PDB file of all heavy atoms in Angstrom:
ATOM      1  N   LEU A   1     113.216   1.275  59.671  1.00  0.00           N
ATOM      2  CA  LEU A   1     114.390   2.106  59.429  1.00  0.00           C
ATOM      3  C   LEU A   1     114.773   2.071  57.950  1.00  0.00           C
ATOM      4  O   LEU A   1     114.712   1.028  57.299  1.00  0.00           O
ATOM      5  CB  LEU A   1     115.556   1.603  60.275  1.00  0.00           C
ATOM      6  CG  LEU A   1     116.870   2.389  60.213  1.00  0.00           C
ATOM      7  CD1 LEU A   1     116.701   3.763  60.830  1.00  0.00           C
ATOM      8  CD2 LEU A   1     117.974   1.611  60.942  1.00  0.00           C
ATOM      9  N   MET A   2     115.163   3.248  57.408  1.00  0.00           N
ATOM     10  CA  MET A   2     115.665   3.341  56.043  1.00  0.00           C
ATOM     11  C   MET A   2     117.105   3.825  56.068  1.00  0.00           C
ATOM     12  O   MET A   2     117.493   4.598  56.947  1.00  0.00           O
ATOM     13  CB  MET A   2     114.825   4.329  55.219  1.00  0.00           C
ATOM     14  CG  MET A   2     113.421   3.891  54.908  1.00  0.00           C
ATOM     15  SD  MET A   2     112.606   5.022  53.742  1.00  0.00           S
ATOM     16  CE  MET A   2     113.365   4.518  52.181  1.00  0.00           C
ATOM     17  N   ASP A   3     117.877   3.391  55.097  1.00  0.00           N
ATOM     18  CA  ASP A   3     119.243   3.888  54.966  1.00  0.00           C
ATOM     19  C   ASP A   3     119.212   5.323  54.449  1.00  0.00           C
ATOM     20  O   ASP A   3     118.328   5.706  53.684  1.00  0.00           O
ATOM     21  CB  ASP A   3     120.034   3.019  53.979  1.00  0.00           C
ATOM     22  CG  ASP A   3     120.302   1.626  54.512  1.00  0.00           C
ATOM     23  OD1 ASP A   3     120.344   1.463  55.744  1.00  0.00           O
ATOM     24  OD2 ASP A   3     120.438   0.704  53.680  1.00  0.00           O
ATOM     25  N   TYR A   4     120.184   6.117  54.868  1.00  0.00           N
ATOM     26  CA  TYR A   4     120.345   7.451  54.285  1.00  0.00           C
ATOM     27  C   TYR A   4     120.671   7.320  52.801  1.00  0.00           C
ATOM     28  O   TYR A   4     121.371   6.392  52.391  1.00  0.00           O
ATOM     29  CB  TYR A   4     121.495   8.203  54.957  1.00  0.00           C
ATOM     30  CG  TYR A   4     121.274   8.566  56.403  1.00  0.00           C
ATOM     31  CD1 TYR A   4     122.217   8.237  57.365  1.00  0.00           C
ATOM     32  CD2 TYR A   4     120.146   9.276  56.815  1.00  0.00           C
ATOM     33  CE1 TYR A   4     122.050   8.590  58.693  1.00  0.00           C
ATOM     34  CE2 TYR A   4     119.966   9.634  58.148  1.00  0.00           C
ATOM     35  CZ  TYR A   4     120.919   9.285  59.085  1.00  0.00           C
ATOM     36  OH  TYR A   4     120.747   9.630  60.396  1.00  0.00           O
ATOM     37  N   TYR A   5     120.176   8.260  52.000  1.00  0.00           N
ATOM     38  CA  TYR A   5     120.545   8.283  50.591  1.00  0.00           C
ATOM     39  C   TYR A   5     121.575   9.382  50.372  1.00  0.00           C
ATOM     40  O   TYR A   5     121.326  10.546  50.685  1.00  0.00           O
ATOM     41  CB  TYR A   5     119.332   8.541  49.680  1.00  0.00           C
ATOM     42  CG  TYR A   5     119.725   8.543  48.218  1.00  0.00           C
ATOM     43  CD1 TYR A   5     119.890   7.344  47.532  1.00  0.00           C
ATOM     44  CD2 TYR A   5     119.996   9.736  47.542  1.00  0.00           C
ATOM     45  CE1 TYR A   5     120.293   7.334  46.201  1.00  0.00           C
ATOM     46  CE2 TYR A   5     120.406   9.728  46.211  1.00  0.00           C
ATOM     47  CZ  TYR A   5     120.561   8.523  45.550  1.00  0.00           C
ATOM     48  OH  TYR A   5     120.980   8.515  44.245  1.00  0.00           O
ATOM     49  N   LYS A   6     122.724   8.994  49.833  1.00  0.00           N
ATOM     50  CA  LYS A   6     123.790   9.955  49.560  1.00  0.00           C
ATOM     51  C   LYS A   6     123.580  10.527  48.160  1.00  0.00           C
ATOM     52  O   LYS A   6     123.882   9.881  47.162  1.00  0.00           O
ATOM     53  CB  LYS A   6     125.159   9.276  49.680  1.00  0.00           C
ATOM     54  CG  LYS A   6     125.452   8.779  51.102  1.00  0.00           C
ATOM     55  CD  LYS A   6     126.772   8.045  51.191  1.00  0.00           C
ATOM     56  CE  LYS A   6     127.018   7.552  52.615  1.00  0.00           C
ATOM     57  NZ  LYS A   6     128.280   6.788  52.732  1.00  0.00           N
ATOM     58  N   ILE A   7     123.087  11.750  48.097  1.00  0.00           N
ATOM     59  CA  ILE A   7     122.706  12.362  46.831  1.00  0.00           C
ATOM     60  C   ILE A   7     123.921  12.784  45.995  1.00  0.00           C
ATOM     61  O   ILE A   7     123.821  12.984  44.796  1.00  0.00           O
ATOM     62  CB  ILE A   7     121.769  13.565  47.098  1.00  0.00           C
ATOM     63  CG1 ILE A   7     121.032  13.974  45.825  1.00  0.00           C
ATOM     64  CG2 ILE A   7     122.512  14.723  47.730  1.00  0.00           C
ATOM     65  CD1 ILE A   7     119.907  14.947  46.077  1.00  0.00           C
ATOM     66  N   ARG A   8     125.060  12.954  46.639  1.00  0.00           N
ATOM     67  CA  ARG A   8     126.351  13.168  45.989  1.00  0.00           C
ATOM     68  C   ARG A   8     126.354  14.343  45.019  1.00  0.00           C
ATOM     69  O   ARG A   8     126.077  15.481  45.405  1.00  0.00           O
ATOM     70  CB  ARG A   8     126.810  11.855  45.352  1.00  0.00           C
ATOM     71  CG  ARG A   8     127.028  10.755  46.386  1.00  0.00           C
ATOM     72  CD  ARG A   8     127.129   9.366  45.848  1.00  0.00           C
ATOM     73  NE  ARG A   8     128.273   9.176  44.944  1.00  0.00           N
ATOM     74  CZ  ARG A   8     128.550   8.006  44.388  1.00  0.00           C
ATOM     75  NH1 ARG A   8     127.811   6.947  44.648  1.00  0.00           N
ATOM     76  NH2 ARG A   8     129.595   7.911  43.571  1.00  0.00           N
ATOM     77  N   GLY A   9     126.615  14.112  43.722  1.00  0.00           N
ATOM     78  CA  GLY A   9     126.761  15.219  42.789  1.00  0.00           C
ATOM     79  C   GLY A   9     125.485  16.007  42.541  1.00  0.00           C
ATOM     80  O   GLY A   9     125.545  17.136  42.049  1.00  0.00           O
ATOM     81  N   MET A  10     124.346  15.455  42.890  1.00  0.00           N
ATOM     82  CA  MET A  10     123.083  16.170  42.726  1.00  0.00           C
ATOM     83  C   MET A  10     122.775  17.040  43.946  1.00  0.00           C
ATOM     84  O   MET A  10     121.645  17.510  44.109  1.00  0.00           O
ATOM     85  CB  MET A  10     121.945  15.180  42.495  1.00  0.00           C
ATOM     86  CG  MET A  10     121.974  14.517  41.139  1.00  0.00           C
ATOM     87  SD  MET A  10     121.758  15.656  39.750  1.00  0.00           S
ATOM     88  CE  MET A  10     120.065  16.130  39.977  1.00  0.00           C
ATOM     89  N   ALA A  11     123.773  17.273  44.768  1.00  0.00           N
ATOM     90  CA  ALA A  11     123.600  18.003  46.027  1.00  0.00           C
ATOM     91  C   ALA A  11     122.816  19.314  45.907  1.00  0.00           C
ATOM     92  O   ALA A  11     121.961  19.600  46.753  1.00  0.00           O
ATOM     93  CB  ALA A  11     124.964  18.270  46.666  1.00  0.00           C
ATOM     94  N   PRO A  12     123.042  20.155  44.886  1.00  0.00           N
ATOM     95  CA  PRO A  12     122.314  21.431  44.820  1.00  0.00           C
ATOM     96  C   PRO A  12     120.796  21.277  44.701  1.00  0.00           C
ATOM     97  O   PRO A  12     120.055  22.231  44.933  1.00  0.00           O
ATOM     98  CB  PRO A  12     122.893  22.104  43.571  1.00  0.00           C
ATOM     99  CG  PRO A  12     124.254  21.513  43.422  1.00  0.00           C
ATOM    100  CD  PRO A  12     124.083  20.084  43.841  1.00  0.00           C
ATOM    101  N   ALA A  13     120.343  20.072  44.357  1.00  0.00           N
ATOM    102  CA  ALA A  13     118.902  19.828  44.233  1.00  0.00           C
ATOM    103  C   ALA A  13     118.275  19.358  45.529  1.00  0.00           C
ATOM    104  O   ALA A  13     117.045  19.367  45.657  1.00  0.00           O
ATOM    105  CB  ALA A  13     118.626  18.799  43.137  1.00  0.00           C
ATOM    106  N   GLY A  14     119.117  18.928  46.524  1.00  0.00           N
ATOM    107  CA  GLY A  14     118.448  18.431  47.730  1.00  0.00           C
ATOM    108  C   GLY A  14     119.298  17.806  48.812  1.00  0.00           C
ATOM    109  O   GLY A  14     118.872  16.833  49.433  1.00  0.00           O
ATOM    110  N   SER A  15     120.477  18.338  49.094  1.00  0.00           N
ATOM    111  CA  SER A  15     121.370  17.632  50.027  1.00  0.00           C
ATOM    112  C   SER A  15     121.452  18.228  51.435  1.00  0.00           C
ATOM    113  O   SER A  15     122.105  17.665  52.310  1.00  0.00           O
ATOM    114  CB  SER A  15     122.790  17.606  49.462  1.00  0.00           C
ATOM    115  OG  SER A  15     123.387  18.893  49.539  1.00  0.00           O
ATOM    116  N   ILE A  16     120.808  19.365  51.702  1.00  0.00           N
ATOM    117  CA  ILE A  16     120.998  20.048  52.989  1.00  0.00           C
ATOM    118  C   ILE A  16     120.345  19.274  54.131  1.00  0.00           C
ATOM    119  O   ILE A  16     119.250  18.726  53.994  1.00  0.00           O
ATOM    120  CB  ILE A  16     120.464  21.487  52.936  1.00  0.00           C
ATOM    121  CG1 ILE A  16     121.353  22.345  52.031  1.00  0.00           C
ATOM    122  CG2 ILE A  16     120.384  22.115  54.332  1.00  0.00           C
ATOM    123  CD1 ILE A  16     120.865  23.768  51.842  1.00  0.00           C
ATOM    124  N   ASN A  17     121.036  19.237  55.266  1.00  0.00           N
ATOM    125  CA  ASN A  17     120.506  18.704  56.524  1.00  0.00           C
ATOM    126  C   ASN A  17     120.502  19.839  57.537  1.00  0.00           C
ATOM    127  O   ASN A  17     121.493  20.555  57.678  1.00  0.00           O
ATOM    128  CB  ASN A  17     121.383  17.558  57.029  1.00  0.00           C
ATOM    129  CG  ASN A  17     121.607  16.491  55.968  1.00  0.00           C
ATOM    130  OD1 ASN A  17     120.676  15.812  55.563  1.00  0.00           O
ATOM    131  ND2 ASN A  17     122.843  16.354  55.507  1.00  0.00           N
ATOM    132  N   SER A  18     119.381  20.003  58.239  1.00  0.00           N
ATOM    133  CA  SER A  18     119.288  21.127  59.169  1.00  0.00           C
ATOM    134  C   SER A  18     118.280  20.830  60.264  1.00  0.00           C
ATOM    135  O   SER A  18     117.612  19.787  60.256  1.00  0.00           O
ATOM    136  CB  SER A  18     118.881  22.400  58.403  1.00  0.00           C
ATOM    137  OG  SER A  18     118.971  23.546  59.221  1.00  0.00           O
ATOM    138  N   SER A  19     118.175  21.744  61.196  1.00  0.00           N
ATOM    139  CA  SER A  19     117.191  21.659  62.278  1.00  0.00           C
ATOM    140  C   SER A  19     116.137  22.742  62.068  1.00  0.00           C
ATOM    141  O   SER A  19     116.361  23.708  61.338  1.00  0.00           O
ATOM    142  CB  SER A  19     117.882  21.876  63.634  1.00  0.00           C
ATOM    143  OG  SER A  19     118.351  23.213  63.733  1.00  0.00           O
ATOM    144  N   VAL A  20     114.997  22.595  62.731  1.00  0.00           N
ATOM    145  CA  VAL A  20     113.963  23.625  62.580  1.00  0.00           C
ATOM    146  C   VAL A  20     114.413  24.951  63.191  1.00  0.00           C
ATOM    147  O   VAL A  20     114.038  26.022  62.704  1.00  0.00           O
ATOM    148  CB  VAL A  20     112.614  23.176  63.179  1.00  0.00           C
ATOM    149  CG1 VAL A  20     112.062  21.993  62.405  1.00  0.00           C
ATOM    150  CG2 VAL A  20     112.709  22.862  64.663  1.00  0.00           C
ATOM    151  N   ASN A  21     115.229  24.892  64.229  1.00  0.00           N
ATOM    152  CA  ASN A  21     115.720  26.139  64.825  1.00  0.00           C
ATOM    153  C   ASN A  21     116.604  26.915  63.857  1.00  0.00           C
ATOM    154  O   ASN A  21     116.537  28.143  63.778  1.00  0.00           O
ATOM    155  CB  ASN A  21     116.488  25.844  66.119  1.00  0.00           C
ATOM    156  CG  ASN A  21     115.654  26.144  67.361  1.00  0.00           C
ATOM    157  OD1 ASN A  21     114.571  26.716  67.272  1.00  0.00           O
ATOM    158  ND2 ASN A  21     116.163  25.763  68.520  1.00  0.00           N
ATOM    159  N   GLU A  22     117.452  26.204  63.116  1.00  0.00           N
ATOM    160  CA  GLU A  22     118.324  26.901  62.167  1.00  0.00           C
ATOM    161  C   GLU A  22     117.576  27.266  60.890  1.00  0.00           C
ATOM    162  O   GLU A  22     117.824  28.331  60.310  1.00  0.00           O
ATOM    163  CB  GLU A  22     119.557  26.048  61.872  1.00  0.00           C
ATOM    164  CG  GLU A  22     120.455  25.897  63.098  1.00  0.00           C
ATOM    165  CD  GLU A  22     121.859  25.436  62.783  1.00  0.00           C
ATOM    166  OE1 GLU A  22     122.133  25.053  61.627  1.00  0.00           O
ATOM    167  OE2 GLU A  22     122.711  25.467  63.691  1.00  0.00           O
ATOM    168  N   MET A  23     116.667  26.427  60.442  1.00  0.00           N
ATOM    169  CA  MET A  23     115.855  26.768  59.277  1.00  0.00           C
ATOM    170  C   MET A  23     114.941  27.961  59.571  1.00  0.00           C
ATOM    171  O   MET A  23     114.563  28.701  58.653  1.00  0.00           O
ATOM    172  CB  MET A  23     115.025  25.569  58.843  1.00  0.00           C
ATOM    173  CG  MET A  23     115.823  24.486  58.129  1.00  0.00           C
ATOM    174  SD  MET A  23     116.507  25.037  56.528  1.00  0.00           S
ATOM    175  CE  MET A  23     115.000  25.163  55.554  1.00  0.00           C
ATOM    176  N   ALA A  24     114.616  28.170  60.839  1.00  0.00           N
ATOM    177  CA  ALA A  24     113.803  29.329  61.213  1.00  0.00           C
ATOM    178  C   ALA A  24     114.520  30.628  60.859  1.00  0.00           C
ATOM    179  O   ALA A  24     113.892  31.614  60.444  1.00  0.00           O
ATOM    180  CB  ALA A  24     113.495  29.285  62.709  1.00  0.00           C
ATOM    181  N   ASN A  25     115.838  30.641  60.978  1.00  0.00           N
ATOM    182  CA  ASN A  25     116.608  31.835  60.606  1.00  0.00           C
ATOM    183  C   ASN A  25     116.521  32.107  59.111  1.00  0.00           C
ATOM    184  O   ASN A  25     116.463  33.265  58.671  1.00  0.00           O
ATOM    185  CB  ASN A  25     118.067  31.676  61.029  1.00  0.00           C
ATOM    186  CG  ASN A  25     118.238  31.645  62.539  1.00  0.00           C
ATOM    187  OD1 ASN A  25     117.320  31.977  63.282  1.00  0.00           O
ATOM    188  ND2 ASN A  25     119.405  31.253  63.000  1.00  0.00           N
ATOM    189  N   TRP A  26     116.537  31.050  58.334  1.00  0.00           N
ATOM    190  CA  TRP A  26     116.365  31.150  56.881  1.00  0.00           C
ATOM    191  C   TRP A  26     115.003  31.780  56.560  1.00  0.00           C
ATOM    192  O   TRP A  26     114.895  32.680  55.734  1.00  0.00           O
ATOM    193  CB  TRP A  26     116.491  29.756  56.294  1.00  0.00           C
ATOM    194  CG  TRP A  26     116.244  29.550  54.828  1.00  0.00           C
ATOM    195  CD1 TRP A  26     115.276  28.758  54.278  1.00  0.00           C
ATOM    196  CD2 TRP A  26     116.993  30.062  53.712  1.00  0.00           C
ATOM    197  NE1 TRP A  26     115.363  28.759  52.908  1.00  0.00           N
ATOM    198  CE2 TRP A  26     116.412  29.540  52.518  1.00  0.00           C
ATOM    199  CE3 TRP A  26     118.098  30.911  53.595  1.00  0.00           C
ATOM    200  CZ2 TRP A  26     116.896  29.847  51.248  1.00  0.00           C
ATOM    201  CZ3 TRP A  26     118.585  31.209  52.328  1.00  0.00           C
ATOM    202  CH2 TRP A  26     117.984  30.691  51.178  1.00  0.00           C
ATOM    203  N   LEU A  27     113.965  31.335  57.256  1.00  0.00           N
ATOM    204  CA  LEU A  27     112.632  31.891  57.042  1.00  0.00           C
ATOM    205  C   LEU A  27     112.552  33.355  57.470  1.00  0.00           C
ATOM    206  O   LEU A  27     111.920  34.172  56.799  1.00  0.00           O
ATOM    207  CB  LEU A  27     111.594  31.075  57.818  1.00  0.00           C
ATOM    208  CG  LEU A  27     111.091  29.792  57.165  1.00  0.00           C
ATOM    209  CD1 LEU A  27     110.109  29.086  58.080  1.00  0.00           C
ATOM    210  CD2 LEU A  27     110.455  30.080  55.816  1.00  0.00           C
ATOM    211  N   ILE A  28     113.170  33.678  58.580  1.00  0.00           N
ATOM    212  CA  ILE A  28     113.161  35.067  59.063  1.00  0.00           C
ATOM    213  C   ILE A  28     113.748  35.993  58.003  1.00  0.00           C
ATOM    214  O   ILE A  28     113.241  37.093  57.755  1.00  0.00           O
ATOM    215  CB  ILE A  28     113.920  35.179  60.396  1.00  0.00           C
ATOM    216  CG1 ILE A  28     113.084  34.551  61.524  1.00  0.00           C
ATOM    217  CG2 ILE A  28     114.248  36.636  60.723  1.00  0.00           C
ATOM    218  CD1 ILE A  28     113.821  34.427  62.847  1.00  0.00           C
TER     219      ILE A  28
END
């Protein structure tokens, strides 16, 4: 197990959490 990393102010570079079902809409 690894701890979550809180990216904080660098959020625009990599902070999103999602599911494949919702990311599928992004791809569509």
